[in-house]
Amino acid sequence: MGAQSSAAVGVSSSDSSSPQANPPIAADHPGVTELFAVLAYGEISAFYRLAEEAELSPSLRGKVAVAEMAAAEMSHFRTLREALGERGVDIYEAMKPYVRPLDAYHRSTDPSTWLESMVKFYVGDGIAADFYTEIAGALSPEVTAIVRDVLADTGHSEFVVEEVRRAVRDNRSERDRLTLWGRRLLGEAITQAQFVMAQRDELTELVLAVTGDLNGIGALFERMQASHAERMAVLGI
């Protein structure tokens, strides 16, 4: 996951279609600490991933753009470190349960080309952002503000869209290949979300408090899939 929000170019926020009728969940819910922790590891792992993938860019412009994305991820990590510190939580200990599942996700979706890297940033990270943003929408305003801040689009979406659209516009084989890649990212991201929830009871309880029950979780995943389809269309794949 990374900084890609559901408010990316041409995509509406997933939580806007599911307003919360219940009172916000309190900021001291133990699941909030877990939410901050999984987001923090997502941000720091995205920093390292993007720093490495900058080398895949065929242009200097691309290398700089991805380096700026990486810098934004580090800024988001600092925000979460401060938020956890205010709760008396050591960020490194808090992140430990999420290292294995998130690393496994990135290993299974390791891009082999520049365009795969760009699609993963826009589509893959967007799926994760939808999941966390919708959960945050049911929390107290101060928690919601932090989560939306670290998941906010940093202005790089337009660059990614231009890169992918240009590449697939007149290349049917590239478009078909990236379409399959996008579908794979969706499946892996949903599997990752389910696995992450299973890591800590507090996080599972938070998600259930937001969605209501297993049917609610299923509806959340359906909304994520709908947003995914919108993002794919924006990219032209």
Protein backbone atom coordinates (compact mmCIF):
# COMPACT_ATOMS: atom_id res chain seq x y z
CA MET A 1 0.00 0.00 0.00
CA GLY A 2 1.01 3.60 -0.34
CA ALA A 3 -0.13 7.12 -0.84
CA GLN A 4 -2.61 6.50 -3.57
CA SER A 5 -6.06 7.59 -2.40
CA SER A 6 -9.51 6.72 -3.67
CA ALA A 7 -9.80 10.34 -4.74
CA ALA A 8 -7.36 9.74 -7.57
CA VAL A 9 -7.99 11.07 -11.05
CA GLY A 10 -11.45 10.06 -12.23
CA VAL A 11 -12.28 7.85 -9.24
CA SER A 12 -14.80 8.72 -6.56
CA SER A 13 -14.19 7.97 -2.89
CA SER A 14 -15.51 4.55 -1.88
CA ASP A 15 -16.74 5.70 1.50
CA SER A 16 -18.92 8.37 -0.04
CA SER A 17 -21.36 5.69 -1.15
CA SER A 18 -21.70 4.19 2.31
CA PRO A 19 -22.37 6.94 4.87
CA GLN A 20 -22.13 5.88 8.48
CA ALA A 21 -25.37 6.23 10.41
CA ASN A 22 -23.90 5.13 13.76
CA PRO A 23 -21.91 7.36 16.12
CA PRO A 24 -18.16 7.45 15.37
CA ILE A 25 -16.00 4.78 16.97
CA ALA A 26 -13.94 6.28 19.79
CA ALA A 27 -10.32 7.23 19.17
CA ASP A 28 -9.22 5.04 22.10
CA HIS A 29 -10.55 1.85 20.50
CA PRO A 30 -7.55 -0.56 20.54
CA GLY A 31 -8.09 -1.28 16.87
CA VAL A 32 -7.11 2.31 16.04
CA THR A 33 -3.57 1.63 17.23
CA GLU A 34 -3.46 -1.44 14.99
CA LEU A 35 -4.80 0.59 12.08
CA PHE A 36 -2.05 3.17 12.52
CA ALA A 37 0.53 0.38 12.80
CA VAL A 38 -0.44 -1.42 9.59
CA LEU A 39 -0.59 1.89 7.76
CA ALA A 40 2.86 2.82 9.06
CA TYR A 41 4.44 -0.37 7.80
CA GLY A 42 2.63 0.07 4.50
CA GLU A 43 4.12 3.55 4.15
CA ILE A 44 7.69 2.62 5.01
CA SER A 45 7.64 -0.46 2.79
CA ALA A 46 6.23 1.67 -0.03
CA PHE A 47 9.12 4.10 0.44
CA TYR A 48 11.72 1.38 -0.08
CA ARG A 49 9.75 -0.18 -2.94
CA LEU A 50 9.40 3.07 -4.84
CA ALA A 51 13.03 4.02 -4.27
CA GLU A 52 14.07 0.74 -5.90
CA GLU A 53 11.53 0.94 -8.72
CA ALA A 54 12.70 4.40 -9.75
CA GLU A 55 15.51 2.54 -11.53
CA LEU A 56 12.93 0.96 -13.85
CA SER A 57 11.99 4.31 -15.34
CA PRO A 58 13.17 4.81 -18.92
CA SER A 59 13.38 8.57 -18.38
CA LEU A 60 14.87 11.02 -15.92
CA ARG A 61 11.43 12.58 -15.50
CA GLY A 62 10.07 9.24 -14.36
CA LYS A 63 12.91 8.64 -11.93
CA VAL A 64 12.33 12.02 -10.30
CA ALA A 65 8.56 11.51 -10.15
CA VAL A 66 8.93 8.17 -8.38
CA ALA A 67 11.56 9.59 -6.02
CA GLU A 68 9.03 12.28 -5.08
CA MET A 69 6.41 9.59 -4.47
CA ALA A 70 8.86 7.82 -2.16
CA ALA A 71 9.51 11.06 -0.27
CA ALA A 72 5.76 11.50 0.26
CA GLU A 73 5.54 7.99 1.71
CA MET A 74 8.28 8.81 4.23
CA SER A 75 6.42 11.97 5.24
CA HIS A 76 3.29 9.90 5.85
CA PHE A 77 5.31 7.43 7.93
CA ARG A 78 6.46 10.30 10.16
CA THR A 79 2.86 11.40 10.66
CA LEU A 80 1.90 7.92 11.82
CA ARG A 81 4.97 7.64 14.04
CA GLU A 82 3.91 10.85 15.77
CA ALA A 83 0.30 9.64 16.09
CA LEU A 84 1.39 6.37 17.66
CA GLY A 85 3.87 8.16 19.91
CA GLU A 86 1.06 10.33 21.26
CA ARG A 87 -0.72 7.09 22.18
CA GLY A 88 2.39 5.87 24.04
CA VAL A 89 3.08 3.19 21.42
CA ASP A 90 6.48 2.27 19.99
CA ILE A 91 6.00 2.23 16.23
CA TYR A 92 8.55 -0.51 15.58
CA GLU A 93 6.94 -2.94 17.99
CA ALA A 94 3.49 -2.05 16.70
CA MET A 95 4.46 -2.72 13.07
CA LYS A 96 5.94 -6.19 13.67
CA PRO A 97 2.72 -8.24 13.19
CA TYR A 98 2.24 -6.69 9.74
CA VAL A 99 5.71 -7.15 8.31
CA ARG A 100 5.16 -10.70 7.14
CA PRO A 101 1.77 -10.29 5.38
CA LEU A 102 2.65 -7.02 3.68
CA ASP A 103 6.05 -8.27 2.56
CA ALA A 104 4.36 -11.38 1.18
CA TYR A 105 1.96 -9.20 -0.81
CA HIS A 106 4.78 -7.19 -2.34
CA ARG A 107 6.75 -10.32 -3.18
CA SER A 108 3.73 -11.77 -4.97
CA THR A 109 3.18 -8.56 -6.92
CA ASP A 110 6.76 -7.59 -7.68
CA PRO A 111 6.62 -5.60 -10.95
CA SER A 112 9.00 -6.65 -13.71
CA THR A 113 8.56 -3.54 -15.87
CA TRP A 114 8.17 0.19 -15.46
CA LEU A 115 4.54 0.09 -16.55
CA GLU A 116 3.70 -2.72 -14.12
CA SER A 117 5.22 -0.58 -11.38
CA MET A 118 3.06 2.39 -12.35
CA VAL A 119 -0.12 0.28 -12.51
CA LYS A 120 0.68 -1.18 -9.10
CA PHE A 121 1.10 2.27 -7.63
CA TYR A 122 -2.17 3.56 -9.08
CA VAL A 123 -4.37 0.46 -8.90
CA GLY A 124 -2.83 -1.75 -6.20
CA ASP A 125 -2.19 0.99 -3.68
CA GLY A 126 -5.57 2.50 -4.52
CA ILE A 127 -7.35 -0.70 -3.54
CA ALA A 128 -5.64 -0.70 -0.16
CA ALA A 129 -6.41 2.99 0.32
CA ASP A 130 -10.11 2.34 -0.34
CA PHE A 131 -10.13 -0.31 2.38
CA TYR A 132 -8.47 1.82 5.03
CA THR A 133 -10.27 5.05 4.10
CA GLU A 134 -13.67 3.41 4.43
CA ILE A 135 -12.77 2.07 7.88
CA ALA A 136 -11.50 5.48 8.91
CA GLY A 137 -14.75 7.10 7.82
CA ALA A 138 -16.52 5.50 10.77
CA LEU A 139 -13.97 6.63 13.34
CA SER A 140 -13.64 9.79 15.39
CA PRO A 141 -12.82 12.94 13.38
CA GLU A 142 -9.25 13.20 14.64
CA VAL A 143 -8.48 9.61 13.64
CA THR A 144 -10.22 10.00 10.30
CA ALA A 145 -8.16 13.10 9.58
CA ILE A 146 -4.87 11.29 10.20
CA VAL A 147 -5.79 8.31 8.04
CA ARG A 148 -7.04 10.43 5.17
CA ASP A 149 -3.95 12.60 5.39
CA VAL A 150 -1.54 9.68 5.01
CA LEU A 151 -3.63 8.14 2.22
CA ALA A 152 -4.23 11.37 0.33
CA ASP A 153 -3.23 11.61 -3.29
CA THR A 154 0.04 13.53 -3.40
CA GLY A 155 -0.49 14.84 -6.93
CA HIS A 156 1.38 12.05 -8.70
CA SER A 157 -1.68 10.24 -10.03
CA GLU A 158 -1.81 12.41 -13.13
CA PHE A 159 1.78 11.46 -14.02
CA VAL A 160 1.02 7.75 -13.64
CA VAL A 161 -2.15 7.99 -15.73
CA GLU A 162 -0.32 9.81 -18.52
CA GLU A 163 2.48 7.25 -18.57
CA VAL A 164 0.18 4.23 -18.79
CA ARG A 165 -2.34 5.73 -21.18
CA ARG A 166 0.39 6.75 -23.60
CA ALA A 167 1.93 3.29 -23.51
CA VAL A 168 -1.30 1.35 -24.13
CA ARG A 169 -3.01 3.74 -26.53
CA ASP A 170 -1.61 2.12 -29.68
CA ASN A 171 -0.29 -1.13 -28.25
CA ARG A 172 -2.98 -3.79 -27.87
CA SER A 173 -0.63 -6.45 -26.50
CA GLU A 174 0.67 -4.09 -23.80
CA ARG A 175 -2.88 -3.12 -22.89
CA ASP A 176 -3.96 -6.75 -22.59
CA ARG A 177 -0.91 -7.63 -20.50
CA LEU A 178 -1.49 -4.75 -18.08
CA THR A 179 -5.19 -5.60 -17.86
CA LEU A 180 -4.27 -9.05 -16.59
CA TRP A 181 -1.74 -7.49 -14.23
CA GLY A 182 -4.43 -5.19 -12.82
CA ARG A 183 -6.76 -8.14 -12.21
CA ARG A 184 -4.00 -9.97 -10.40
CA LEU A 185 -3.37 -6.94 -8.19
CA LEU A 186 -7.04 -6.88 -7.22
CA GLY A 187 -7.05 -10.52 -6.17
CA GLU A 188 -3.80 -10.22 -4.24
CA ALA A 189 -4.89 -7.00 -2.52
CA ILE A 190 -8.17 -8.47 -1.29
CA THR A 191 -6.36 -11.57 -0.07
CA GLN A 192 -3.88 -9.31 1.70
CA ALA A 193 -6.66 -7.29 3.36
CA GLN A 194 -8.25 -10.47 4.68
CA PHE A 195 -4.94 -11.78 5.96
CA VAL A 196 -4.01 -8.49 7.62
CA MET A 197 -7.33 -8.42 9.46
CA ALA A 198 -6.60 -11.88 10.81
CA GLN A 199 -3.29 -10.83 12.35
CA ARG A 200 -4.71 -8.98 15.35
CA ASP A 201 -8.04 -9.42 17.10
CA GLU A 202 -8.22 -5.69 17.81
CA LEU A 203 -8.06 -4.84 14.11
CA THR A 204 -10.65 -7.49 13.26
CA GLU A 205 -12.96 -6.09 15.93
CA LEU A 206 -12.51 -2.58 14.52
CA VAL A 207 -13.40 -3.69 10.98
CA LEU A 208 -16.45 -5.57 12.25
CA ALA A 209 -17.51 -2.55 14.28
CA VAL A 210 -17.36 -0.47 11.10
CA THR A 211 -19.00 -2.93 8.70
CA GLY A 212 -21.44 -4.57 11.13
CA ASP A 213 -20.89 -8.21 10.20
CA LEU A 214 -19.39 -10.52 7.58
CA ASN A 215 -22.00 -9.42 5.06
CA GLY A 216 -20.85 -5.85 5.62
CA ILE A 217 -17.26 -6.87 4.96
CA GLY A 218 -18.39 -8.55 1.76
CA ALA A 219 -20.15 -5.36 0.69
CA LEU A 220 -16.99 -3.38 1.43
CA PHE A 221 -14.98 -5.67 -0.86
CA GLU A 222 -17.61 -5.26 -3.57
CA ARG A 223 -17.22 -1.49 -3.38
CA MET A 224 -13.44 -1.91 -3.59
CA GLN A 225 -13.88 -3.96 -6.75
CA ALA A 226 -16.11 -1.27 -8.26
CA SER A 227 -13.49 1.41 -7.56
CA HIS A 228 -10.86 -0.88 -9.04
CA ALA A 229 -12.84 -1.12 -12.28
CA GLU A 230 -13.04 2.69 -12.39
CA ARG A 231 -9.28 3.03 -11.96
CA MET A 232 -8.59 0.50 -14.68
CA ALA A 233 -10.82 2.47 -17.02
CA VAL A 234 -9.00 5.70 -16.17
CA LEU A 235 -5.71 4.02 -17.15
CA GLY A 236 -7.24 2.76 -20.40
CA ILE A 237 -6.82 -0.91 -19.53
